[in-house]
Protein backbone atom coordinates (compact mmCIF):
# COMPACT_ATOMS: atom_id res chain seq x y z
CA MET A 1 68.21 73.55 -26.47
CA ILE A 2 68.06 77.29 -26.78
CA PRO A 3 71.35 78.65 -28.54
CA ARG A 4 72.58 81.64 -26.56
CA PRO A 5 73.64 84.99 -27.53
CA GLY A 6 76.70 84.34 -29.95
CA GLU A 7 76.07 80.63 -30.25
CA THR A 8 75.98 79.01 -33.65
CA HIS A 9 72.30 76.63 -34.00
CA LEU A 10 74.97 74.06 -34.16
CA GLU A 11 76.89 74.75 -31.35
CA ALA A 12 74.09 75.05 -29.83
CA VAL A 13 73.09 71.14 -30.68
CA VAL A 14 76.65 70.12 -30.36
CA ALA A 15 77.60 71.47 -26.71
CA SER A 16 79.08 69.18 -24.55
CA PRO A 17 76.78 69.30 -21.03
CA PHE A 18 79.47 69.31 -18.77
CA GLN A 19 80.74 72.50 -20.43
CA ARG A 20 77.73 73.84 -19.77
CA LEU A 21 77.95 72.36 -16.17
CA ALA A 22 81.45 73.82 -15.90
CA ARG A 23 80.27 77.36 -16.71
CA LEU A 24 76.76 77.17 -14.50
CA LEU A 25 78.97 76.28 -11.42
CA ASP A 26 81.88 78.77 -12.34
CA GLY A 27 82.53 80.67 -9.53
CA ILE A 28 80.86 78.88 -6.79
CA GLU A 29 82.82 77.42 -3.91
CA PRO A 30 81.71 73.35 -2.99
CA GLY A 31 79.91 73.72 0.36
CA ALA A 32 82.04 70.40 1.23
CA THR A 33 84.64 67.76 -0.11
CA PRO A 34 83.77 67.46 -3.72
CA LEU A 35 81.97 63.96 -4.88
CA ASP A 36 81.00 63.86 -8.68
CA LEU A 37 77.59 62.49 -9.72
CA SER A 38 77.49 64.40 -12.66
CA LEU A 39 79.94 62.19 -15.09
CA GLY A 40 79.16 58.62 -16.26
CA GLU A 41 82.46 57.34 -15.60
CA PRO A 42 82.96 53.90 -14.06
CA LYS A 43 84.72 54.01 -10.87
CA GLY A 44 85.65 50.50 -10.12
CA LEU A 45 88.79 48.32 -10.06
CA ILE A 46 90.33 47.60 -13.51
CA PRO A 47 90.43 43.71 -14.10
CA PRO A 48 93.95 42.96 -12.95
CA PHE A 49 94.27 40.00 -15.85
CA LEU A 50 94.47 43.22 -18.39
CA GLY A 51 97.83 44.33 -17.06
CA PRO A 52 99.99 41.77 -18.14
CA ILE A 53 97.99 41.21 -21.80
CA LEU A 54 98.86 45.06 -22.22
CA GLN A 55 102.80 44.64 -21.29
CA GLU A 56 103.34 41.84 -23.48
CA HIS A 57 102.09 43.88 -26.80
CA LEU A 58 103.53 47.16 -25.77
CA GLY A 59 105.93 46.93 -28.61
CA GLU A 60 102.57 46.64 -31.17
CA PHE A 61 101.91 50.46 -30.78
CA GLY A 62 104.75 51.00 -33.13
CA ARG A 63 102.00 49.47 -36.01
CA TYR A 64 99.41 50.31 -37.43
CA PRO A 65 96.32 48.31 -36.36
CA PRO A 66 93.95 46.30 -38.94
CA VAL A 67 90.66 48.46 -39.29
CA ARG A 68 88.60 45.11 -39.16
CA GLY A 69 90.64 43.85 -35.67
CA ILE A 70 92.85 41.56 -35.21
CA PRO A 71 90.65 37.57 -35.79
CA SER A 72 90.74 37.32 -31.72
CA LEU A 73 88.85 40.55 -31.13
CA ARG A 74 86.65 39.48 -33.69
CA GLN A 75 86.24 36.18 -32.67
CA ALA A 76 85.90 37.65 -28.98
CA ILE A 77 82.63 40.18 -30.12
CA ALA A 78 80.71 37.29 -32.23
CA ASP A 79 81.50 34.78 -29.13
CA TRP A 80 80.17 36.98 -26.86
CA LEU A 81 77.22 38.06 -28.67
CA HIS A 82 76.26 34.57 -29.04
CA ARG A 83 76.17 34.00 -24.87
CA ARG A 84 74.81 36.84 -23.91
CA TYR A 85 71.67 36.70 -26.49
CA PRO A 86 71.16 32.41 -26.61
CA ALA A 87 69.18 33.67 -30.26
CA LEU A 88 71.94 34.63 -31.87
CA ALA A 89 73.78 31.43 -30.94
CA GLY A 90 75.95 30.69 -34.39
CA THR A 91 74.71 33.54 -36.17
CA ILE A 92 77.35 36.22 -36.58
CA ASP A 93 80.07 35.84 -38.66
CA PRO A 94 83.26 37.66 -37.46
CA GLU A 95 84.23 38.34 -40.87
CA ALA A 96 80.99 39.79 -42.49
CA HIS A 97 78.89 41.64 -39.21
CA VAL A 98 81.80 42.94 -36.46
CA LEU A 99 83.84 46.04 -36.89
CA PRO A 100 85.62 47.53 -33.53
CA LEU A 101 85.57 50.57 -32.85
CA ASN A 102 87.69 53.34 -31.04
CA GLY A 103 84.48 53.69 -28.60
CA SER A 104 81.48 53.07 -28.95
CA ARG A 105 80.78 57.40 -29.43
CA GLU A 106 83.09 57.28 -32.11
CA GLY A 107 80.99 54.34 -33.97
CA LEU A 108 77.44 55.66 -32.91
CA PHE A 109 79.01 59.24 -34.92
CA SER A 110 80.44 57.92 -37.64
CA ALA A 111 78.01 55.82 -38.50
CA ILE A 112 75.33 58.55 -39.64
CA PHE A 113 77.92 59.36 -42.67
CA PRO A 114 77.42 55.81 -44.75
CA ALA A 115 73.33 56.03 -43.25
CA LEU A 116 73.08 58.98 -45.45
CA VAL A 117 74.72 57.59 -48.34
CA ARG A 118 71.87 54.43 -48.28
CA LYS A 119 68.96 56.90 -48.50
CA ALA A 120 70.91 59.91 -51.26
CA SER A 121 68.00 60.39 -52.77
CA VAL A 122 65.96 62.13 -49.94
CA ALA A 123 65.19 65.47 -50.23
CA ARG A 124 65.48 66.15 -46.66
CA PRO A 125 67.14 63.34 -44.55
CA ALA A 126 66.30 63.42 -40.99
CA VAL A 127 67.57 61.67 -37.93
CA LEU A 128 65.14 60.72 -35.22
CA ILE A 129 66.78 61.01 -31.84
CA PRO A 130 65.14 60.60 -28.13
CA ASN A 131 64.95 63.52 -26.47
CA PRO A 132 66.96 63.45 -23.32
CA PHE A 133 70.00 62.44 -25.53
CA TYR A 134 73.02 61.57 -25.93
CA GLN A 135 74.93 64.24 -26.78
CA ALA A 136 76.59 62.17 -30.06
CA TYR A 137 73.31 61.64 -31.88
CA GLY A 138 72.82 65.00 -32.26
CA ALA A 139 76.42 65.85 -33.46
CA ALA A 140 76.29 63.32 -35.87
CA ALA A 141 73.34 64.89 -37.28
CA ALA A 142 74.59 68.38 -37.08
CA ALA A 143 77.90 67.32 -38.92
CA SER A 144 76.02 65.77 -41.46
CA GLY A 145 73.74 67.91 -42.37
CA ALA A 146 70.81 66.16 -41.61
CA GLU A 147 67.93 67.44 -39.76
CA PRO A 148 67.78 66.06 -36.42
CA ILE A 149 64.50 65.15 -35.13
CA PHE A 150 63.92 64.83 -31.42
CA LEU A 151 60.99 62.59 -30.24
CA PRO A 152 59.88 62.99 -26.27
CA SER A 153 60.84 60.81 -24.21
CA THR A 154 58.97 61.02 -20.96
CA ALA A 155 57.26 59.39 -17.81
CA GLU A 156 54.10 59.90 -19.94
CA THR A 157 55.82 57.37 -22.84
CA ASP A 158 57.48 55.45 -20.30
CA PHE A 159 60.90 56.94 -21.04
CA LEU A 160 61.67 56.14 -24.76
CA PRO A 161 60.35 57.39 -27.94
CA ASP A 162 56.63 57.12 -29.16
CA LEU A 163 57.15 54.67 -31.86
CA GLY A 164 53.43 55.85 -33.37
CA ALA A 165 53.59 59.23 -33.36
CA MET A 166 55.45 59.72 -36.30
CA ASP A 167 53.90 60.27 -39.48
CA GLU A 168 54.60 58.55 -42.56
CA ALA A 169 56.21 61.64 -44.23
CA LEU A 170 58.68 61.83 -41.81
CA LEU A 171 59.47 57.80 -41.61
CA GLU A 172 60.19 58.36 -44.89
CA ARG A 173 62.55 60.97 -45.01
CA ALA A 174 64.67 58.97 -41.80
CA VAL A 175 68.00 57.73 -42.25
CA ALA A 176 68.14 56.39 -39.02
CA LEU A 177 66.45 55.88 -35.75
CA TYR A 178 69.14 56.17 -32.45
CA LEU A 179 67.64 53.91 -29.96
CA CYS A 180 69.34 53.66 -26.31
CA SER A 181 68.68 50.60 -24.19
CA PRO A 182 68.57 50.79 -21.07
CA SER A 183 68.50 54.55 -21.82
CA ASN A 184 71.10 57.41 -20.43
CA PRO A 185 69.70 59.02 -18.60
CA GLN A 186 66.53 57.12 -17.51
CA GLY A 187 67.58 53.86 -17.15
CA ALA A 188 64.79 52.67 -18.72
CA VAL A 189 64.61 49.27 -21.02
CA ALA A 190 63.27 48.47 -24.54
CA GLY A 191 61.46 45.68 -24.37
CA ALA A 192 61.60 43.00 -26.82
CA PRO A 193 57.70 43.56 -27.75
CA TYR A 194 59.25 47.71 -28.44
CA LEU A 195 62.40 46.49 -30.52
CA ALA A 196 60.35 44.46 -32.84
CA ARG A 197 58.21 47.23 -33.68
CA ALA A 198 61.31 49.87 -33.79
CA ILE A 199 62.66 47.04 -36.20
CA ALA A 200 59.46 46.48 -38.29
CA LEU A 201 59.33 50.36 -38.88
CA ALA A 202 63.09 50.24 -40.30
CA ARG A 203 62.32 48.11 -42.72
CA ARG A 204 59.15 48.97 -43.79
CA PHE A 205 60.63 52.84 -44.18
CA ASP A 206 64.20 51.63 -44.91
CA PHE A 207 65.87 53.04 -42.50
CA LEU A 208 68.78 52.19 -40.06
CA LEU A 209 67.85 51.28 -36.13
CA PHE A 210 71.24 52.40 -34.50
CA ALA A 211 70.94 50.74 -31.35
CA ASP A 212 73.02 51.44 -28.52
CA GLU A 213 73.38 49.07 -25.77
CA CYS A 214 76.14 50.45 -23.94
CA TYR A 215 74.75 49.96 -20.77
CA SER A 216 73.47 46.47 -21.59
CA GLU A 217 75.37 44.50 -18.86
CA ILE A 218 74.33 46.82 -15.93
CA TYR A 219 70.39 45.70 -14.72
CA PHE A 220 69.19 44.26 -11.54
CA ASP A 221 66.72 41.77 -12.34
CA THR A 222 66.27 40.60 -15.99
CA PRO A 223 69.21 40.64 -18.60
CA PRO A 224 67.59 43.60 -21.35
CA PRO A 225 67.02 42.03 -24.59
CA GLY A 226 68.71 43.37 -27.73
CA ALA A 227 67.87 44.71 -30.80
CA LEU A 228 69.97 41.94 -32.83
CA GLU A 229 68.36 38.88 -30.68
CA THR A 230 64.82 40.56 -31.15
CA ALA A 231 65.90 41.01 -35.02
CA PHE A 232 67.21 37.50 -35.85
CA ALA A 233 64.31 35.79 -33.45
CA GLY A 234 61.89 37.60 -35.74
CA THR A 235 62.28 37.47 -39.34
CA GLY A 236 65.90 35.25 -39.15
CA SER A 237 67.52 38.33 -40.60
CA LEU A 238 69.68 41.24 -39.25
CA ALA A 239 68.78 43.50 -42.43
CA ASN A 240 68.71 47.19 -41.13
CA VAL A 241 69.61 46.64 -37.28
CA VAL A 242 73.04 47.81 -36.07
CA THR A 243 73.95 47.35 -32.11
CA PHE A 244 77.06 49.30 -30.59
CA ASN A 245 78.40 48.53 -27.51
CA SER A 246 81.67 48.95 -25.46
CA LEU A 247 83.33 47.97 -22.93
CA SER A 248 83.48 51.28 -21.42
CA LYS A 249 80.42 50.95 -19.09
CA ARG A 250 80.22 46.50 -19.07
CA SER A 251 84.02 46.34 -18.06
CA GLY A 252 84.20 49.32 -16.30
CA LEU A 253 86.96 50.50 -18.74
CA PRO A 254 86.10 53.83 -20.04
CA GLY A 255 89.40 55.10 -20.90
CA LEU A 256 90.45 52.01 -23.07
CA ARG A 257 88.37 53.54 -25.74
CA SER A 258 87.53 50.42 -26.78
CA GLY A 259 83.81 49.41 -28.65
CA PHE A 260 82.21 47.45 -31.25
CA VAL A 261 79.57 48.02 -33.88
CA ALA A 262 77.64 44.95 -35.36
CA GLY A 263 74.77 43.63 -37.26
CA ASP A 264 73.00 44.10 -41.02
CA PRO A 265 76.55 42.99 -43.18
CA GLY A 266 75.10 45.45 -45.76
CA PHE A 267 75.60 47.94 -43.73
CA ILE A 268 78.77 46.77 -41.93
CA ALA A 269 80.70 46.81 -45.19
CA PRO A 270 80.00 50.28 -46.77
CA PHE A 271 80.90 51.27 -43.07
CA PHE A 272 83.96 49.60 -43.19
CA ARG A 273 85.18 51.07 -46.50
CA PHE A 274 84.67 54.51 -44.85
CA ARG A 275 85.86 54.09 -41.11
CA ASN A 276 89.24 52.59 -43.33
CA VAL A 277 89.71 56.19 -44.66
CA ALA A 278 87.83 58.43 -41.92
CA CYS A 279 87.98 57.15 -38.50
CA PRO A 280 90.63 56.27 -35.68
CA GLN A 281 91.25 52.55 -35.02
CA VAL A 282 92.12 50.79 -31.99
CA PRO A 283 95.59 50.25 -31.45
CA LEU A 284 97.13 46.71 -31.37
CA PRO A 285 98.01 46.44 -27.72
CA ILE A 286 94.55 47.55 -26.20
CA GLN A 287 92.90 45.20 -29.06
CA HIS A 288 94.26 42.21 -27.59
CA VAL A 289 93.60 43.47 -24.46
CA SER A 290 90.34 43.78 -25.18
CA ALA A 291 89.53 40.24 -26.48
CA ALA A 292 90.87 38.98 -23.12
CA ALA A 293 88.21 41.57 -21.38
CA TRP A 294 85.32 40.11 -23.72
CA VAL A 295 86.04 36.94 -23.08
CA ASP A 296 85.33 37.00 -19.16
CA GLU A 297 82.61 37.40 -17.26
CA ALA A 298 83.66 37.43 -13.71
CA HIS A 299 84.71 40.89 -13.63
CA VAL A 300 81.42 41.71 -15.52
CA GLU A 301 79.23 40.44 -12.81
CA GLU A 302 81.35 41.70 -9.56
CA GLY A 303 80.73 45.41 -11.35
CA ARG A 304 76.96 44.70 -11.80
CA ALA A 305 76.97 43.55 -7.89
CA LEU A 306 78.43 46.71 -7.02
CA TYR A 307 75.59 48.65 -9.18
CA CYS A 308 72.96 46.79 -7.04
CA GLN A 309 74.31 47.77 -4.02
CA ASN A 310 74.55 51.76 -4.67
CA PHE A 311 70.75 51.52 -5.90
CA GLU A 312 69.91 49.41 -2.82
CA LEU A 313 71.30 52.77 -0.99
CA ALA A 314 69.47 54.62 -3.32
CA ASP A 315 66.05 52.58 -2.32
CA ALA A 316 66.68 53.38 1.43
CA LEU A 317 67.27 56.94 1.39
CA LEU A 318 65.21 58.32 -1.42
CA ALA A 319 62.45 56.41 -1.58
CA GLY A 320 59.42 58.82 -1.70
CA ARG A 321 61.33 62.11 -2.38
CA TYR A 322 62.13 63.64 -5.96
CA GLY A 323 60.13 60.83 -8.08
CA TYR A 324 62.95 58.45 -7.49
CA ARG A 325 62.22 55.05 -8.78
CA CYS A 326 64.83 52.33 -9.45
CA PRO A 327 65.85 52.26 -13.19
CA ALA A 328 66.21 48.97 -14.89
CA GLY A 329 69.12 49.22 -16.38
CA ALA A 330 72.11 51.58 -16.17
CA PHE A 331 73.84 53.41 -13.35
CA PHE A 332 72.11 56.76 -13.68
CA LEU A 333 69.12 58.17 -11.36
CA TRP A 334 66.59 60.53 -12.96
CA LEU A 335 65.26 62.38 -10.24
CA ASN A 336 62.60 65.05 -10.86
CA MET A 337 63.54 69.19 -8.73
CA ARG A 338 60.78 70.94 -9.81
CA ALA A 339 59.80 71.90 -6.44
CA TYR A 340 63.62 72.66 -5.99
CA GLY A 341 63.49 75.10 -8.97
CA GLY A 342 64.25 72.90 -11.81
CA GLY A 343 67.80 71.24 -12.65
CA GLU A 344 69.73 74.26 -12.82
CA ALA A 345 68.74 75.84 -9.79
CA ALA A 346 69.33 72.21 -7.60
CA ALA A 347 72.00 71.64 -8.72
CA THR A 348 74.00 74.52 -8.12
CA THR A 349 72.42 74.49 -4.58
CA LEU A 350 73.66 70.86 -3.81
CA TRP A 351 76.82 72.23 -5.52
CA LYS A 352 76.89 75.37 -2.83
CA GLY A 353 75.31 73.64 -0.27
CA CYS A 354 77.24 70.28 0.24
CA GLY A 355 79.96 69.81 -2.82
CA VAL A 356 77.93 67.19 -5.05
CA LYS A 357 78.21 67.29 -8.34
CA VAL A 358 74.91 66.39 -10.43
CA LEU A 359 73.97 67.59 -13.76
CA PRO A 360 70.94 69.43 -15.22
CA GLY A 361 68.58 67.56 -17.47
CA ALA A 362 68.35 70.16 -19.51
CA TYR A 363 71.79 69.69 -20.68
CA LEU A 364 71.00 66.17 -22.38
CA SER A 365 67.33 67.26 -24.02
CA ARG A 366 66.27 69.92 -26.33
CA ALA A 367 63.55 72.49 -26.48
CA GLU A 368 60.46 71.10 -28.00
CA PRO A 369 58.37 73.27 -30.98
CA ASP A 370 56.12 74.76 -27.92
CA GLY A 371 59.25 75.36 -26.12
CA GLU A 372 59.36 72.68 -23.47
CA ASN A 373 63.04 71.12 -22.48
CA PRO A 374 61.49 67.60 -21.24
CA GLY A 375 64.69 67.69 -18.84
CA LYS A 376 64.39 70.81 -17.34
CA ASP A 377 62.72 69.92 -14.42
CA TYR A 378 65.50 66.64 -13.97
CA VAL A 379 68.83 66.27 -12.73
CA ARG A 380 70.67 63.01 -13.55
CA VAL A 381 72.61 61.35 -11.09
CA ALA A 382 76.00 58.69 -12.00
CA LEU A 383 75.95 55.84 -8.86
CA VAL A 384 79.33 54.96 -10.02
CA HIS A 385 81.22 54.98 -6.56
CA ASP A 386 81.87 52.85 -4.37
CA ALA A 387 79.22 51.77 -1.67
CA ASP A 388 80.65 54.27 1.11
CA ARG A 389 80.67 57.17 -1.30
CA THR A 390 77.70 57.05 -2.75
CA ARG A 391 75.75 56.47 0.82
CA ASP A 392 77.38 59.50 1.73
CA ALA A 393 76.49 61.66 -1.85
CA LEU A 394 73.29 60.77 -1.29
CA ARG A 395 73.21 61.57 2.85
CA ARG A 396 74.62 65.24 1.52
CA PHE A 397 71.83 65.15 -1.38
CA THR A 398 68.95 65.02 0.85
CA ALA A 399 69.93 66.88 4.04
CA VAL A 400 70.68 69.83 1.71
CA LEU A 401 67.17 69.12 -0.11
CA GLY A 402 65.32 67.67 2.58
């Protein structure tokens, strides 16, 4: 992303896409009752069994929460990993392999600092980031002083970074590779062979694979493979691999701010020490609620069914238009708006024409060295509403753009 006049390089890297969208649409009246499809915020019902648990533990807001988390939460996370990824059965030690997080974003950002310490002798540390990318990755690199290296993740590479395009000199400098699967914004899933190759590179060049798997439970046919199960199934080791997940997408609880990191115990231990002095902890009542949410799968299946219904609507209404393809996972559409002037122009047209708010893809990506921004022709559309609102929004979308 190119700095605007008066804006520093750091500000350009960490700029909020939603602040940029607000500036783009400032002063433009929506053409109909607004429908926001720009924010990946699940709109499903909160699981009803969580309320009584929160009420029961309200008094514990008066206590500092333990950094490691309460035992029942760490055990619930370990048990979930064992159920979700059978190859891991019995291998995740809640004492050594798991830490709760104040949402996965907090962990994805703060993990870069102990990752840098691991390779303190590297003169020009680099952080490898898919492009387009979740902004926390770029913010972590910028704040830590490492060099962000943006890896094109376009249709030509199946919307994942080309692992063979990095030379050894760059890989020697790498301290971490961020990999999101299913990916935001394209919904691409990294298969087990791809994950195995990324893990092999991480071990050969001794960097960390930061597997952002917060969309792992939103899929339509086959559950996406996980980085930890791939690592363990291949070598019996979790070395150089950590996964981040949360209840925001899985359980439709983005406001809970509760997630976890799990994996390589050689990284989890120093990350615990860092978080003990530098990071926000999960309040105790939230930890109890989180433990119950990780145990229950019924509400997750209900949410997944809602997303599948939304994508059936997209299949019916968008087929053959805007480069539409049903993603393998997550709840985003990545639609090509080149015929409508690009992502920013299309977002403006939709807001002005029918009140539908979408996010320009350029706000989620950075210009390559040749000056081309891989997201400039796209918009990201979040199908997070119920079926009626989703149908209404997609019909408005096609009515305005044709």
